[in-house]
């Protein structure tokens, strides 16, 4: 038994795991498959005002904490009904050379504690969200099995985890808002990825609204009777993005919509940009 304990201690020391991180690994479901797309029923009739943000990348040095606090105060001032976030809550630990030197919080434990601290600021709202590809690193790399959104939900009372990478919110029967976080690379034209996403939906399965994360772009598009938002980012341009000549559209959205018998009658998005 002592030999086994010594071996475990050597492994823990080798990987630099904290007590909390070790416990997380031991209590997680290893080699678990990604969660299937969820459908969350949240019916509304009449006016609905939502706050929308994406791609915080908490743990990266370019995460803009003061701007996040400004977003919270703006949601309060504008009296939004609820808030949706569209993935990449945490920066994660990619393992690529040099990435660790870009981090303000290193490791899952510190990044999650920071995320809890930030999301607690949204305590006046019901907040719903999905995980993005950076969050997924803590599940898939090394088969760690950690689902970031589920852990955040267990620590933050007003947060509800809707799924990984994608989830549907049924605003009323036949009216759906999709939260979607891509996993591929960006495109030269800002509008290209949203256009292709809208064109990819099967006719009978089209959402009425799609909130898209991942590309760190801000855009509103109406196509195929779908209202589409690229949701921007709460993180400034990273050195990796600058090296790839990819801009970061820092900001968040507030959307006014009317939901009637025929579906969404009004959809009025307003973008709040973040500047240095």
C-alpha atoms as a PDB file:
ATOM      1  CA  UNK A   1       0.000   0.000   0.000  1.00  0.00           C
ATOM      2  CA  UNK A   2       2.839   2.407   0.895  1.00  0.00           C
ATOM      3  CA  UNK A   3       4.482   1.762  -2.510  1.00  0.00           C
ATOM      4  CA  UNK A   4       1.235   2.714  -4.276  1.00  0.00           C
ATOM      5  CA  UNK A   5       0.933   5.890  -2.192  1.00  0.00           C
ATOM      6  CA  UNK A   6       4.531   6.827  -2.987  1.00  0.00           C
ATOM      7  CA  UNK A   7       3.856   6.373  -6.696  1.00  0.00           C
ATOM      8  CA  UNK A   8       0.739   8.567  -6.475  1.00  0.00           C
ATOM      9  CA  UNK A   9       2.695  11.216  -4.578  1.00  0.00           C
ATOM     10  CA  UNK A  10       5.382  11.220  -7.285  1.00  0.00           C
ATOM     11  CA  UNK A  11       2.743  11.660 -10.002  1.00  0.00           C
ATOM     12  CA  UNK A  12       1.061  14.505  -8.102  1.00  0.00           C
ATOM     13  CA  UNK A  13       4.405  16.226  -7.573  1.00  0.00           C
ATOM     14  CA  UNK A  14       5.426  15.732 -11.208  1.00  0.00           C
ATOM     15  CA  UNK A  15       2.285  17.429 -12.522  1.00  0.00           C
ATOM     16  CA  UNK A  16       2.169  20.085  -9.809  1.00  0.00           C
ATOM     17  CA  UNK A  17      -1.420  19.330  -8.806  1.00  0.00           C
ATOM     18  CA  UNK A  18      -2.977  21.201  -5.898  1.00  0.00           C
ATOM     19  CA  UNK A  19      -5.153  19.312  -3.400  1.00  0.00           C
ATOM     20  CA  UNK A  20      -8.242  20.813  -5.024  1.00  0.00           C
ATOM     21  CA  UNK A  21      -7.152  19.835  -8.545  1.00  0.00           C
ATOM     22  CA  UNK A  22      -6.332  16.275  -7.436  1.00  0.00           C
ATOM     23  CA  UNK A  23      -9.754  15.930  -5.824  1.00  0.00           C
ATOM     24  CA  UNK A  24     -11.368  17.267  -9.010  1.00  0.00           C
ATOM     25  CA  UNK A  25      -9.628  14.640 -11.136  1.00  0.00           C
ATOM     26  CA  UNK A  26     -10.492  11.784  -8.752  1.00  0.00           C
ATOM     27  CA  UNK A  27     -14.176  12.717  -8.570  1.00  0.00           C
ATOM     28  CA  UNK A  28     -14.637  13.460 -12.284  1.00  0.00           C
ATOM     29  CA  UNK A  29     -15.924  10.988 -14.865  1.00  0.00           C
ATOM     30  CA  UNK A  30     -12.818  10.132 -16.862  1.00  0.00           C
ATOM     31  CA  UNK A  31     -13.047   9.540 -20.588  1.00  0.00           C
ATOM     32  CA  UNK A  32     -16.584  10.916 -20.483  1.00  0.00           C
ATOM     33  CA  UNK A  33     -18.179  11.763 -23.813  1.00  0.00           C
ATOM     34  CA  UNK A  34     -19.188  15.382 -24.448  1.00  0.00           C
ATOM     35  CA  UNK A  35     -22.683  16.178 -23.266  1.00  0.00           C
ATOM     36  CA  UNK A  36     -25.379  16.016 -25.912  1.00  0.00           C
ATOM     37  CA  UNK A  37     -27.026  19.225 -27.049  1.00  0.00           C
ATOM     38  CA  UNK A  38     -29.508  20.407 -24.452  1.00  0.00           C
ATOM     39  CA  UNK A  39     -32.916  22.043 -24.961  1.00  0.00           C
ATOM     40  CA  UNK A  40     -33.843  24.422 -22.161  1.00  0.00           C
ATOM     41  CA  UNK A  41     -37.460  25.633 -21.948  1.00  0.00           C
ATOM     42  CA  UNK A  42     -37.807  29.227 -20.788  1.00  0.00           C
ATOM     43  CA  UNK A  43     -41.083  30.548 -22.135  1.00  0.00           C
ATOM     44  CA  UNK A  44     -41.776  34.255 -22.653  1.00  0.00           C
ATOM     45  CA  UNK A  45     -44.537  36.315 -24.211  1.00  0.00           C
ATOM     46  CA  UNK A  46     -44.155  40.007 -24.888  1.00  0.00           C
ATOM     47  CA  UNK A  47     -41.022  42.037 -24.245  1.00  0.00           C
ATOM     48  CA  UNK A  48     -37.743  40.381 -23.291  1.00  0.00           C
ATOM     49  CA  UNK A  49     -34.441  42.176 -22.718  1.00  0.00           C
ATOM     50  CA  UNK A  50     -31.293  40.055 -22.471  1.00  0.00           C
ATOM     51  CA  UNK A  51     -27.632  40.747 -21.833  1.00  0.00           C
ATOM     52  CA  UNK A  52     -25.182  38.726 -23.938  1.00  0.00           C
ATOM     53  CA  UNK A  53     -21.435  38.225 -23.599  1.00  0.00           C
ATOM     54  CA  UNK A  54     -18.864  35.649 -24.610  1.00  0.00           C
ATOM     55  CA  UNK A  55     -15.224  34.587 -24.498  1.00  0.00           C
ATOM     56  CA  UNK A  56     -14.074  35.944 -21.143  1.00  0.00           C
ATOM     57  CA  UNK A  57     -10.950  33.751 -21.090  1.00  0.00           C
ATOM     58  CA  UNK A  58     -10.613  34.273 -17.353  1.00  0.00           C
ATOM     59  CA  UNK A  59      -7.047  33.421 -16.417  1.00  0.00           C
ATOM     60  CA  UNK A  60      -5.484  35.157 -19.416  1.00  0.00           C
ATOM     61  CA  UNK A  61      -3.672  38.418 -18.713  1.00  0.00           C
ATOM     62  CA  UNK A  62      -5.809  40.150 -21.361  1.00  0.00           C
ATOM     63  CA  UNK A  63      -9.110  39.360 -19.626  1.00  0.00           C
ATOM     64  CA  UNK A  64     -10.521  42.837 -18.888  1.00  0.00           C
ATOM     65  CA  UNK A  65     -11.832  42.730 -15.318  1.00  0.00           C
ATOM     66  CA  UNK A  66     -12.747  46.452 -15.131  1.00  0.00           C
ATOM     67  CA  UNK A  67     -14.709  46.119 -18.388  1.00  0.00           C
ATOM     68  CA  UNK A  68     -16.507  43.047 -17.013  1.00  0.00           C
ATOM     69  CA  UNK A  69     -17.555  45.148 -14.007  1.00  0.00           C
ATOM     70  CA  UNK A  70     -18.716  47.912 -16.358  1.00  0.00           C
ATOM     71  CA  UNK A  71     -20.808  45.303 -18.191  1.00  0.00           C
ATOM     72  CA  UNK A  72     -22.452  44.228 -14.947  1.00  0.00           C
ATOM     73  CA  UNK A  73     -23.297  47.824 -14.011  1.00  0.00           C
ATOM     74  CA  UNK A  74     -24.686  48.427 -17.522  1.00  0.00           C
ATOM     75  CA  UNK A  75     -26.932  45.361 -17.291  1.00  0.00           C
ATOM     76  CA  UNK A  76     -28.264  46.729 -13.998  1.00  0.00           C
ATOM     77  CA  UNK A  77     -28.761  50.216 -15.388  1.00  0.00           C
ATOM     78  CA  UNK A  78     -30.532  48.903 -18.501  1.00  0.00           C
ATOM     79  CA  UNK A  79     -32.606  46.459 -16.404  1.00  0.00           C
ATOM     80  CA  UNK A  80     -32.023  43.362 -18.479  1.00  0.00           C
ATOM     81  CA  UNK A  81     -34.248  40.410 -17.621  1.00  0.00           C
ATOM     82  CA  UNK A  82     -31.558  37.744 -17.835  1.00  0.00           C
ATOM     83  CA  UNK A  83     -28.054  37.133 -19.124  1.00  0.00           C
ATOM     84  CA  UNK A  84     -26.522  34.617 -21.535  1.00  0.00           C
ATOM     85  CA  UNK A  85     -22.819  33.807 -21.959  1.00  0.00           C
ATOM     86  CA  UNK A  86     -21.590  31.860 -24.966  1.00  0.00           C
ATOM     87  CA  UNK A  87     -18.497  29.930 -23.931  1.00  0.00           C
ATOM     88  CA  UNK A  88     -14.799  30.117 -23.105  1.00  0.00           C
ATOM     89  CA  UNK A  89     -15.374  31.115 -19.512  1.00  0.00           C
ATOM     90  CA  UNK A  90     -11.810  30.100 -18.640  1.00  0.00           C
ATOM     91  CA  UNK A  91      -8.612  30.499 -20.649  1.00  0.00           C
ATOM     92  CA  UNK A  92      -7.532  26.948 -19.876  1.00  0.00           C
ATOM     93  CA  UNK A  93      -4.084  25.378 -20.142  1.00  0.00           C
ATOM     94  CA  UNK A  94      -3.392  24.619 -23.795  1.00  0.00           C
ATOM     95  CA  UNK A  95       0.096  23.184 -23.396  1.00  0.00           C
ATOM     96  CA  UNK A  96       1.424  25.159 -26.376  1.00  0.00           C
ATOM     97  CA  UNK A  97       4.884  26.613 -25.906  1.00  0.00           C
ATOM     98  CA  UNK A  98       4.824  29.991 -24.182  1.00  0.00           C
ATOM     99  CA  UNK A  99       1.121  29.950 -23.310  1.00  0.00           C
ATOM    100  CA  UNK A 100       1.781  29.752 -19.584  1.00  0.00           C
ATOM    101  CA  UNK A 101       3.570  33.116 -19.688  1.00  0.00           C
ATOM    102  CA  UNK A 102       0.357  34.782 -20.915  1.00  0.00           C
ATOM    103  CA  UNK A 103      -1.641  33.701 -17.863  1.00  0.00           C
ATOM    104  CA  UNK A 104      -2.615  35.771 -14.846  1.00  0.00           C
ATOM    105  CA  UNK A 105      -4.055  32.689 -13.086  1.00  0.00           C
ATOM    106  CA  UNK A 106      -2.234  29.415 -13.705  1.00  0.00           C
ATOM    107  CA  UNK A 107      -4.097  26.135 -13.425  1.00  0.00           C
ATOM    108  CA  UNK A 108      -7.716  25.093 -13.105  1.00  0.00           C
ATOM    109  CA  UNK A 109      -8.078  25.852  -9.408  1.00  0.00           C
ATOM    110  CA  UNK A 110      -7.013  29.503  -9.668  1.00  0.00           C
ATOM    111  CA  UNK A 111      -8.923  30.148 -12.889  1.00  0.00           C
ATOM    112  CA  UNK A 112     -12.131  28.694 -11.481  1.00  0.00           C
ATOM    113  CA  UNK A 113     -11.834  30.701  -8.262  1.00  0.00           C
ATOM    114  CA  UNK A 114     -11.460  33.865 -10.342  1.00  0.00           C
ATOM    115  CA  UNK A 115     -14.451  32.908 -12.482  1.00  0.00           C
ATOM    116  CA  UNK A 116     -16.596  32.367  -9.383  1.00  0.00           C
ATOM    117  CA  UNK A 117     -15.541  35.786  -8.116  1.00  0.00           C
ATOM    118  CA  UNK A 118     -16.493  37.468 -11.414  1.00  0.00           C
ATOM    119  CA  UNK A 119     -19.783  35.635 -11.937  1.00  0.00           C
ATOM    120  CA  UNK A 120     -20.862  36.437  -8.381  1.00  0.00           C
ATOM    121  CA  UNK A 121     -20.983  40.061  -9.539  1.00  0.00           C
ATOM    122  CA  UNK A 122     -23.951  39.033 -11.731  1.00  0.00           C
ATOM    123  CA  UNK A 123     -25.956  37.922  -8.694  1.00  0.00           C
ATOM    124  CA  UNK A 124     -28.895  40.213  -9.583  1.00  0.00           C
ATOM    125  CA  UNK A 125     -29.592  38.151 -12.715  1.00  0.00           C
ATOM    126  CA  UNK A 126     -30.294  34.630 -13.806  1.00  0.00           C
ATOM    127  CA  UNK A 127     -27.279  33.740 -15.956  1.00  0.00           C
ATOM    128  CA  UNK A 128     -27.290  30.902 -18.499  1.00  0.00           C
ATOM    129  CA  UNK A 129     -24.378  29.669 -20.556  1.00  0.00           C
ATOM    130  CA  UNK A 130     -22.407  27.026 -22.382  1.00  0.00           C
ATOM    131  CA  UNK A 131     -18.795  25.874 -22.339  1.00  0.00           C
ATOM    132  CA  UNK A 132     -16.413  26.681 -25.202  1.00  0.00           C
ATOM    133  CA  UNK A 133     -13.390  24.916 -26.609  1.00  0.00           C
ATOM    134  CA  UNK A 134     -11.000  26.484 -24.055  1.00  0.00           C
ATOM    135  CA  UNK A 135     -13.223  25.215 -21.228  1.00  0.00           C
ATOM    136  CA  UNK A 136     -13.156  21.805 -22.890  1.00  0.00           C
ATOM    137  CA  UNK A 137      -9.394  21.515 -22.441  1.00  0.00           C
ATOM    138  CA  UNK A 138      -9.962  20.726 -18.773  1.00  0.00           C
ATOM    139  CA  UNK A 139     -12.179  17.827 -19.799  1.00  0.00           C
ATOM    140  CA  UNK A 140     -10.325  16.391 -22.772  1.00  0.00           C
ATOM    141  CA  UNK A 141      -6.617  17.068 -22.242  1.00  0.00           C
ATOM    142  CA  UNK A 142      -5.257  14.177 -20.227  1.00  0.00           C
ATOM    143  CA  UNK A 143      -8.828  12.885 -19.951  1.00  0.00           C
ATOM    144  CA  UNK A 144      -9.318  15.155 -16.938  1.00  0.00           C
ATOM    145  CA  UNK A 145     -13.094  14.985 -17.212  1.00  0.00           C
ATOM    146  CA  UNK A 146     -13.821  18.434 -15.731  1.00  0.00           C
ATOM    147  CA  UNK A 147     -16.905  20.176 -17.130  1.00  0.00           C
ATOM    148  CA  UNK A 148     -16.290  23.842 -16.346  1.00  0.00           C
ATOM    149  CA  UNK A 149     -19.908  25.012 -16.640  1.00  0.00           C
ATOM    150  CA  UNK A 150     -21.202  22.285 -14.331  1.00  0.00           C
ATOM    151  CA  UNK A 151     -18.594  23.198 -11.737  1.00  0.00           C
ATOM    152  CA  UNK A 152     -19.457  26.890 -12.016  1.00  0.00           C
ATOM    153  CA  UNK A 153     -23.155  26.058 -11.628  1.00  0.00           C
ATOM    154  CA  UNK A 154     -22.397  24.159  -8.415  1.00  0.00           C
ATOM    155  CA  UNK A 155     -20.559  27.177  -6.963  1.00  0.00           C
ATOM    156  CA  UNK A 156     -22.656  30.099  -8.255  1.00  0.00           C
ATOM    157  CA  UNK A 157     -26.329  29.900  -7.304  1.00  0.00           C
ATOM    158  CA  UNK A 158     -27.668  32.095 -10.121  1.00  0.00           C
ATOM    159  CA  UNK A 159     -25.719  30.364 -12.931  1.00  0.00           C
ATOM    160  CA  UNK A 160     -27.236  27.572 -15.054  1.00  0.00           C
ATOM    161  CA  UNK A 161     -25.060  25.417 -17.292  1.00  0.00           C
ATOM    162  CA  UNK A 162     -26.901  24.605 -20.528  1.00  0.00           C
ATOM    163  CA  UNK A 163     -24.343  22.387 -22.248  1.00  0.00           C
ATOM    164  CA  UNK A 164     -20.997  22.155 -23.973  1.00  0.00           C
ATOM    165  CA  UNK A 165     -20.379  24.035 -27.218  1.00  0.00           C
ATOM    166  CA  UNK A 166     -24.084  24.214 -28.092  1.00  0.00           C
ATOM    167  CA  UNK A 167     -27.520  24.464 -26.479  1.00  0.00           C
ATOM    168  CA  UNK A 168     -31.032  25.513 -27.487  1.00  0.00           C
ATOM    169  CA  UNK A 169     -33.303  27.757 -25.418  1.00  0.00           C
ATOM    170  CA  UNK A 170     -36.985  27.397 -26.321  1.00  0.00           C
ATOM    171  CA  UNK A 171     -38.453  30.874 -25.755  1.00  0.00           C
ATOM    172  CA  UNK A 172     -41.939  29.597 -26.594  1.00  0.00           C
ATOM    173  CA  UNK A 173     -43.205  26.591 -28.555  1.00  0.00           C
ATOM    174  CA  UNK A 174     -41.700  26.933 -32.013  1.00  0.00           C
ATOM    175  CA  UNK A 175     -39.370  29.833 -31.105  1.00  0.00           C
ATOM    176  CA  UNK A 176     -35.768  28.836 -30.364  1.00  0.00           C
ATOM    177  CA  UNK A 177     -32.590  30.691 -29.491  1.00  0.00           C
ATOM    178  CA  UNK A 178     -29.394  28.720 -30.072  1.00  0.00           C
ATOM    179  CA  UNK A 179     -26.165  29.291 -28.117  1.00  0.00           C
ATOM    180  CA  UNK A 180     -23.284  28.095 -30.264  1.00  0.00           C
ATOM    181  CA  UNK A 181     -19.521  28.061 -29.744  1.00  0.00           C
ATOM    182  CA  UNK A 182     -17.464  27.058 -32.765  1.00  0.00           C
ATOM    183  CA  UNK A 183     -14.148  25.237 -32.704  1.00  0.00           C
ATOM    184  CA  UNK A 184     -12.536  26.149 -36.006  1.00  0.00           C
ATOM    185  CA  UNK A 185     -10.400  29.058 -37.192  1.00  0.00           C
ATOM    186  CA  UNK A 186     -11.518  32.569 -38.065  1.00  0.00           C
ATOM    187  CA  UNK A 187     -12.111  33.891 -41.592  1.00  0.00           C
ATOM    188  CA  UNK A 188     -10.869  36.908 -43.545  1.00  0.00           C
ATOM    189  CA  UNK A 189     -14.391  38.391 -43.791  1.00  0.00           C
ATOM    190  CA  UNK A 190     -16.034  39.062 -40.417  1.00  0.00           C
ATOM    191  CA  UNK A 191     -19.458  38.043 -41.732  1.00  0.00           C
ATOM    192  CA  UNK A 192     -18.365  34.772 -43.383  1.00  0.00           C
ATOM    193  CA  UNK A 193     -18.615  32.390 -40.430  1.00  0.00           C
ATOM    194  CA  UNK A 194     -22.062  33.580 -39.365  1.00  0.00           C
ATOM    195  CA  UNK A 195     -23.351  33.346 -42.938  1.00  0.00           C
ATOM    196  CA  UNK A 196     -22.063  29.776 -43.322  1.00  0.00           C
ATOM    197  CA  UNK A 197     -23.487  28.773 -39.936  1.00  0.00           C
ATOM    198  CA  UNK A 198     -26.924  30.084 -40.913  1.00  0.00           C
ATOM    199  CA  UNK A 199     -26.752  28.305 -44.259  1.00  0.00           C
ATOM    200  CA  UNK A 200     -25.841  25.027 -42.547  1.00  0.00           C
ATOM    201  CA  UNK A 201     -29.063  24.753 -40.543  1.00  0.00           C
ATOM    202  CA  UNK A 202     -31.583  22.257 -41.894  1.00  0.00           C
ATOM    203  CA  UNK A 203     -34.850  23.925 -42.868  1.00  0.00           C
ATOM    204  CA  UNK A 204     -37.025  22.392 -40.189  1.00  0.00           C
ATOM    205  CA  UNK A 205     -34.396  22.816 -37.472  1.00  0.00           C
ATOM    206  CA  UNK A 206     -33.452  26.466 -37.937  1.00  0.00           C
ATOM    207  CA  UNK A 207     -33.348  28.539 -34.749  1.00  0.00           C
ATOM    208  CA  UNK A 208     -34.988  31.965 -34.699  1.00  0.00           C
ATOM    209  CA  UNK A 209     -31.932  33.445 -32.987  1.00  0.00           C
ATOM    210  CA  UNK A 210     -28.328  32.262 -32.862  1.00  0.00           C
ATOM    211  CA  UNK A 211     -25.772  33.629 -30.398  1.00  0.00           C
ATOM    212  CA  UNK A 212     -22.297  32.685 -31.600  1.00  0.00           C
ATOM    213  CA  UNK A 213     -19.033  32.718 -29.644  1.00  0.00           C
ATOM    214  CA  UNK A 214     -15.411  31.750 -30.335  1.00  0.00           C
ATOM    215  CA  UNK A 215     -14.278  34.191 -33.052  1.00  0.00           C
ATOM    216  CA  UNK A 216     -14.058  37.278 -30.778  1.00  0.00           C
ATOM    217  CA  UNK A 217     -16.030  39.280 -33.343  1.00  0.00           C
ATOM    218  CA  UNK A 218     -19.073  41.551 -33.036  1.00  0.00           C
ATOM    219  CA  UNK A 219     -21.702  41.366 -35.763  1.00  0.00           C
ATOM    220  CA  UNK A 220     -25.471  41.339 -36.295  1.00  0.00           C
ATOM    221  CA  UNK A 221     -26.847  39.551 -39.369  1.00  0.00           C
ATOM    222  CA  UNK A 222     -30.357  38.629 -40.498  1.00  0.00           C
ATOM    223  CA  UNK A 223     -30.452  35.735 -42.965  1.00  0.00           C
ATOM    224  CA  UNK A 224     -32.891  32.889 -43.653  1.00  0.00           C
ATOM    225  CA  UNK A 225     -35.208  34.525 -41.075  1.00  0.00           C
ATOM    226  CA  UNK A 226     -32.563  33.983 -38.402  1.00  0.00           C
ATOM    227  CA  UNK A 227     -31.306  36.780 -36.169  1.00  0.00           C
ATOM    228  CA  UNK A 228     -27.582  36.144 -35.692  1.00  0.00           C
ATOM    229  CA  UNK A 229     -25.119  37.733 -33.284  1.00  0.00           C
ATOM    230  CA  UNK A 230     -21.382  37.262 -33.136  1.00  0.00           C
ATOM    231  CA  UNK A 231     -21.051  37.981 -29.452  1.00  0.00           C
ATOM    232  CA  UNK A 232     -17.622  39.612 -29.164  1.00  0.00           C
ATOM    233  CA  UNK A 233     -15.209  39.027 -26.286  1.00  0.00           C
ATOM    234  CA  UNK A 234     -14.318  40.268 -22.812  1.00  0.00           C
ATOM    235  CA  UNK A 235     -10.637  39.652 -23.538  1.00  0.00           C
ATOM    236  CA  UNK A 236      -8.278  41.975 -25.395  1.00  0.00           C
ATOM    237  CA  UNK A 237      -6.181  40.876 -28.349  1.00  0.00           C
ATOM    238  CA  UNK A 238      -3.787  38.184 -27.152  1.00  0.00           C
ATOM    239  CA  UNK A 239      -0.242  37.830 -28.424  1.00  0.00           C
ATOM    240  CA  UNK A 240      -1.320  34.669 -30.287  1.00  0.00           C
ATOM    241  CA  UNK A 241      -4.121  36.574 -32.056  1.00  0.00           C
ATOM    242  CA  UNK A 242      -1.808  39.480 -32.856  1.00  0.00           C
ATOM    243  CA  UNK A 243       0.686  37.059 -34.374  1.00  0.00           C
ATOM    244  CA  UNK A 244      -2.094  35.701 -36.606  1.00  0.00           C
ATOM    245  CA  UNK A 245      -3.281  39.268 -37.416  1.00  0.00           C
ATOM    246  CA  UNK A 246      -6.681  38.543 -35.855  1.00  0.00           C
ATOM    247  CA  UNK A 247      -8.492  41.484 -34.211  1.00  0.00           C
ATOM    248  CA  UNK A 248     -10.523  41.166 -31.015  1.00  0.00           C
ATOM    249  CA  UNK A 249     -13.867  42.970 -30.872  1.00  0.00           C
ATOM    250  CA  UNK A 250     -14.134  43.582 -27.146  1.00  0.00           C
ATOM    251  CA  UNK A 251     -17.668  44.294 -25.974  1.00  0.00           C
ATOM    252  CA  UNK A 252     -21.084  42.910 -25.037  1.00  0.00           C
ATOM    253  CA  UNK A 253     -24.674  43.120 -26.281  1.00  0.00           C
ATOM    254  CA  UNK A 254     -28.069  44.083 -24.936  1.00  0.00           C
ATOM    255  CA  UNK A 255     -30.973  42.823 -27.044  1.00  0.00           C
ATOM    256  CA  UNK A 256     -34.596  43.989 -26.903  1.00  0.00           C
ATOM    257  CA  UNK A 257     -37.059  41.587 -28.469  1.00  0.00           C
ATOM    258  CA  UNK A 258     -40.814  41.113 -28.632  1.00  0.00           C
ATOM    259  CA  UNK A 259     -42.123  37.563 -28.654  1.00  0.00           C
ATOM    260  CA  UNK A 260     -45.635  37.238 -30.022  1.00  0.00           C
ATOM    261  CA  UNK A 261     -47.937  34.654 -31.547  1.00  0.00           C
ATOM    262  CA  UNK A 262     -46.071  34.724 -34.852  1.00  0.00           C
ATOM    263  CA  UNK A 263     -42.649  34.491 -33.212  1.00  0.00           C
ATOM    264  CA  UNK A 264     -40.134  37.302 -32.787  1.00  0.00           C
ATOM    265  CA  UNK A 265     -41.644  40.552 -33.987  1.00  0.00           C
ATOM    266  CA  UNK A 266     -38.857  42.896 -32.892  1.00  0.00           C
ATOM    267  CA  UNK A 267     -35.159  42.200 -32.470  1.00  0.00           C
ATOM    268  CA  UNK A 268     -33.093  45.262 -31.542  1.00  0.00           C
ATOM    269  CA  UNK A 269     -29.449  44.518 -30.642  1.00  0.00           C
ATOM    270  CA  UNK A 270     -27.158  47.182 -29.156  1.00  0.00           C
ATOM    271  CA  UNK A 271     -23.398  46.644 -28.887  1.00  0.00           C
ATOM    272  CA  UNK A 272     -21.344  48.173 -26.074  1.00  0.00           C
ATOM    273  CA  UNK A 273     -17.699  48.263 -27.213  1.00  0.00           C
ATOM    274  CA  UNK A 274     -14.692  48.237 -24.928  1.00  0.00           C
ATOM    275  CA  UNK A 275     -11.740  50.521 -25.576  1.00  0.00           C
ATOM    276  CA  UNK A 276      -8.405  50.944 -23.869  1.00  0.00           C
END
